[in-house]
Amino acid sequence: MAMTQGEIAALPVDRLLGKIAEESGEVIQAAMKMQAHGARPQWSGVQYDNVADLNTEFSQLSGLMQEFRRRFGVN
């Protein structure tokens, strides 16, 4: 479940960085799944949406990075 911006803002720096690392891994995993299986594959009668999954993971990472930039600025 995605964290709210308030929950993200309340994270101490070490937890924020851990969440960024975790979410970065999930973005990579979703991208590689789409590379391997395509945008919207069907498997055993189930339709998957790798495009939506990748967008969701990136959106979650983006929320974490917004907080990182708020705290530390953007160079």
N, C-alpha and C. Protein backbone atom coordinates (compact mmCIF):
# COMPACT_ATOMS: atom_id res chain seq x y z
N MET A 1 0.84 -1.17 0.00
CA MET A 1 0.00 0.00 0.00
C MET A 1 0.89 1.24 0.00
N ALA A 2 0.53 2.18 -0.82
CA ALA A 2 1.31 3.41 -0.94
C ALA A 2 1.18 4.26 0.32
N MET A 3 2.26 4.93 0.65
CA MET A 3 2.26 5.82 1.81
C MET A 3 1.71 7.19 1.38
N THR A 4 1.08 7.88 2.32
CA THR A 4 0.63 9.24 2.06
C THR A 4 1.83 10.17 2.17
N GLN A 5 1.71 11.39 1.63
CA GLN A 5 2.80 12.35 1.75
C GLN A 5 3.07 12.69 3.21
N GLY A 6 2.03 12.69 4.04
CA GLY A 6 2.22 12.93 5.47
C GLY A 6 3.03 11.84 6.13
N GLU A 7 2.75 10.59 5.77
CA GLU A 7 3.52 9.47 6.32
C GLU A 7 4.97 9.53 5.85
N ILE A 8 5.15 9.89 4.59
CA ILE A 8 6.51 10.00 4.05
C ILE A 8 7.26 11.12 4.76
N ALA A 9 6.60 12.25 4.97
CA ALA A 9 7.24 13.40 5.63
C ALA A 9 7.65 13.07 7.06
N ALA A 10 6.96 12.13 7.70
CA ALA A 10 7.26 11.78 9.08
C ALA A 10 8.42 10.79 9.21
N LEU A 11 8.88 10.23 8.10
CA LEU A 11 9.97 9.25 8.15
C LEU A 11 11.28 9.92 8.55
N PRO A 12 12.05 9.29 9.45
CA PRO A 12 13.41 9.78 9.68
C PRO A 12 14.25 9.53 8.42
N VAL A 13 15.36 10.23 8.31
CA VAL A 13 16.18 10.16 7.09
C VAL A 13 16.58 8.72 6.75
N ASP A 14 17.00 7.93 7.72
CA ASP A 14 17.44 6.57 7.41
C ASP A 14 16.31 5.73 6.84
N ARG A 15 15.12 5.89 7.36
CA ARG A 15 13.97 5.14 6.82
C ARG A 15 13.57 5.65 5.45
N LEU A 16 13.64 6.98 5.24
CA LEU A 16 13.33 7.55 3.92
C LEU A 16 14.28 6.97 2.87
N LEU A 17 15.56 6.93 3.18
CA LEU A 17 16.53 6.38 2.24
C LEU A 17 16.30 4.90 1.99
N GLY A 18 15.94 4.17 3.03
CA GLY A 18 15.61 2.75 2.86
C GLY A 18 14.41 2.55 1.96
N LYS A 19 13.40 3.39 2.14
CA LYS A 19 12.19 3.30 1.29
C LYS A 19 12.52 3.66 -0.16
N ILE A 20 13.40 4.65 -0.35
CA ILE A 20 13.80 5.01 -1.71
C ILE A 20 14.51 3.83 -2.37
N ALA A 21 15.41 3.18 -1.65
CA ALA A 21 16.12 2.03 -2.19
C ALA A 21 15.15 0.89 -2.50
N GLU A 22 14.24 0.63 -1.59
CA GLU A 22 13.25 -0.44 -1.79
C GLU A 22 12.39 -0.17 -3.01
N GLU A 23 11.89 1.05 -3.10
CA GLU A 23 11.00 1.39 -4.21
C GLU A 23 11.75 1.41 -5.54
N SER A 24 13.02 1.82 -5.51
CA SER A 24 13.84 1.78 -6.72
C SER A 24 13.95 0.36 -7.26
N GLY A 25 14.13 -0.58 -6.35
CA GLY A 25 14.18 -1.99 -6.73
C GLY A 25 12.87 -2.46 -7.35
N GLU A 26 11.76 -1.98 -6.83
CA GLU A 26 10.46 -2.37 -7.37
C GLU A 26 10.23 -1.77 -8.76
N VAL A 27 10.74 -0.55 -8.99
CA VAL A 27 10.66 0.04 -10.33
C VAL A 27 11.47 -0.80 -11.31
N ILE A 28 12.67 -1.19 -10.91
CA ILE A 28 13.51 -2.03 -11.77
C ILE A 28 12.82 -3.35 -12.05
N GLN A 29 12.27 -3.97 -11.03
CA GLN A 29 11.60 -5.25 -11.21
C GLN A 29 10.42 -5.12 -12.18
N ALA A 30 9.62 -4.07 -12.03
CA ALA A 30 8.47 -3.88 -12.92
C ALA A 30 8.92 -3.62 -14.35
N ALA A 31 10.00 -2.86 -14.53
CA ALA A 31 10.51 -2.60 -15.88
C ALA A 31 11.02 -3.88 -16.53
N MET A 32 11.71 -4.70 -15.76
CA MET A 32 12.24 -5.94 -16.31
C MET A 32 11.13 -6.94 -16.62
N LYS A 33 10.08 -6.92 -15.82
CA LYS A 33 8.94 -7.80 -16.09
C LYS A 33 8.27 -7.40 -17.40
N MET A 34 8.13 -6.08 -17.61
CA MET A 34 7.53 -5.61 -18.85
C MET A 34 8.44 -5.95 -20.04
N GLN A 35 9.75 -5.81 -19.85
CA GLN A 35 10.69 -6.16 -20.92
C GLN A 35 10.56 -7.64 -21.29
N ALA A 36 10.43 -8.49 -20.30
CA ALA A 36 10.39 -9.93 -20.53
C ALA A 36 9.04 -10.41 -21.07
N HIS A 37 7.95 -9.79 -20.60
CA HIS A 37 6.62 -10.34 -20.90
C HIS A 37 5.72 -9.43 -21.71
N GLY A 38 6.14 -8.19 -21.93
CA GLY A 38 5.33 -7.27 -22.72
C GLY A 38 4.46 -6.37 -21.85
N ALA A 39 3.75 -5.49 -22.52
CA ALA A 39 2.97 -4.47 -21.83
C ALA A 39 1.76 -5.04 -21.08
N ARG A 40 1.00 -5.87 -21.75
CA ARG A 40 -0.23 -6.37 -21.14
C ARG A 40 -0.43 -7.85 -21.51
N PRO A 41 0.43 -8.71 -20.98
CA PRO A 41 0.34 -10.12 -21.35
C PRO A 41 -0.85 -10.82 -20.69
N GLN A 42 -1.22 -11.91 -21.31
CA GLN A 42 -2.26 -12.76 -20.72
C GLN A 42 -1.60 -14.10 -20.40
N TRP A 43 -1.88 -14.60 -19.20
CA TRP A 43 -1.26 -15.85 -18.75
C TRP A 43 -2.31 -16.66 -18.02
N SER A 44 -2.57 -17.86 -18.47
CA SER A 44 -3.56 -18.76 -17.86
C SER A 44 -4.90 -18.07 -17.66
N GLY A 45 -5.31 -17.32 -18.67
CA GLY A 45 -6.61 -16.66 -18.63
C GLY A 45 -6.66 -15.38 -17.80
N VAL A 46 -5.51 -14.95 -17.28
CA VAL A 46 -5.46 -13.74 -16.46
C VAL A 46 -4.75 -12.65 -17.26
N GLN A 47 -5.36 -11.47 -17.34
CA GLN A 47 -4.76 -10.32 -18.04
C GLN A 47 -3.93 -9.52 -17.04
N TYR A 48 -2.67 -9.29 -17.36
CA TYR A 48 -1.77 -8.49 -16.53
C TYR A 48 -1.55 -7.14 -17.20
N ASP A 49 -1.27 -6.13 -16.39
CA ASP A 49 -1.01 -4.80 -16.94
C ASP A 49 0.32 -4.29 -16.40
N ASN A 50 1.38 -4.65 -17.09
CA ASN A 50 2.72 -4.26 -16.66
C ASN A 50 2.95 -2.76 -16.81
N VAL A 51 2.23 -2.12 -17.72
CA VAL A 51 2.32 -0.67 -17.87
C VAL A 51 1.82 0.01 -16.60
N ALA A 52 0.66 -0.41 -16.14
CA ALA A 52 0.09 0.17 -14.91
C ALA A 52 0.98 -0.12 -13.71
N ASP A 53 1.52 -1.33 -13.64
CA ASP A 53 2.40 -1.69 -12.52
C ASP A 53 3.64 -0.80 -12.49
N LEU A 54 4.26 -0.60 -13.65
CA LEU A 54 5.46 0.23 -13.70
C LEU A 54 5.14 1.68 -13.34
N ASN A 55 4.03 2.18 -13.84
CA ASN A 55 3.62 3.54 -13.49
C ASN A 55 3.33 3.69 -12.01
N THR A 56 2.70 2.70 -11.40
CA THR A 56 2.41 2.74 -9.97
C THR A 56 3.69 2.78 -9.15
N GLU A 57 4.63 1.89 -9.49
CA GLU A 57 5.89 1.84 -8.75
C GLU A 57 6.67 3.13 -8.90
N PHE A 58 6.70 3.68 -10.11
CA PHE A 58 7.42 4.93 -10.33
C PHE A 58 6.76 6.08 -9.57
N SER A 59 5.44 6.10 -9.54
CA SER A 59 4.72 7.14 -8.81
C SER A 59 5.06 7.10 -7.32
N GLN A 60 5.15 5.90 -6.77
CA GLN A 60 5.51 5.76 -5.36
C GLN A 60 6.94 6.24 -5.11
N LEU A 61 7.86 5.90 -6.01
CA LEU A 61 9.23 6.38 -5.89
C LEU A 61 9.28 7.90 -6.00
N SER A 62 8.49 8.44 -6.89
CA SER A 62 8.45 9.88 -7.09
C SER A 62 8.01 10.60 -5.81
N GLY A 63 7.02 10.06 -5.11
CA GLY A 63 6.58 10.66 -3.85
C GLY A 63 7.69 10.69 -2.81
N LEU A 64 8.46 9.62 -2.75
CA LEU A 64 9.58 9.56 -1.82
C LEU A 64 10.67 10.56 -2.22
N MET A 65 10.94 10.66 -3.51
CA MET A 65 11.96 11.59 -3.98
C MET A 65 11.53 13.04 -3.80
N GLN A 66 10.26 13.32 -3.87
CA GLN A 66 9.78 14.68 -3.59
C GLN A 66 10.14 15.08 -2.17
N GLU A 67 9.96 14.16 -1.24
CA GLU A 67 10.31 14.45 0.16
C GLU A 67 11.82 14.59 0.31
N PHE A 68 12.58 13.75 -0.34
CA PHE A 68 14.04 13.85 -0.30
C PHE A 68 14.48 15.22 -0.79
N ARG A 69 13.91 15.67 -1.91
CA ARG A 69 14.27 16.98 -2.47
C ARG A 69 13.83 18.11 -1.55
N ARG A 70 12.68 17.95 -0.90
CA ARG A 70 12.20 18.97 0.03
C ARG A 70 13.21 19.14 1.16
N ARG A 71 13.72 18.03 1.65
CA ARG A 71 14.64 18.08 2.79
C ARG A 71 16.05 18.55 2.40
N PHE A 72 16.52 18.09 1.27
CA PHE A 72 17.92 18.28 0.92
C PHE A 72 18.17 19.17 -0.29
N GLY A 73 17.12 19.59 -0.95
CA GLY A 73 17.26 20.44 -2.12
C GLY A 73 17.63 19.65 -3.36
N VAL A 74 17.65 20.35 -4.45
CA VAL A 74 17.98 19.75 -5.74
C VAL A 74 19.17 20.52 -6.31
N ASN A 75 20.22 19.83 -6.63
CA ASN A 75 21.40 20.49 -7.21
C ASN A 75 21.43 20.30 -8.70
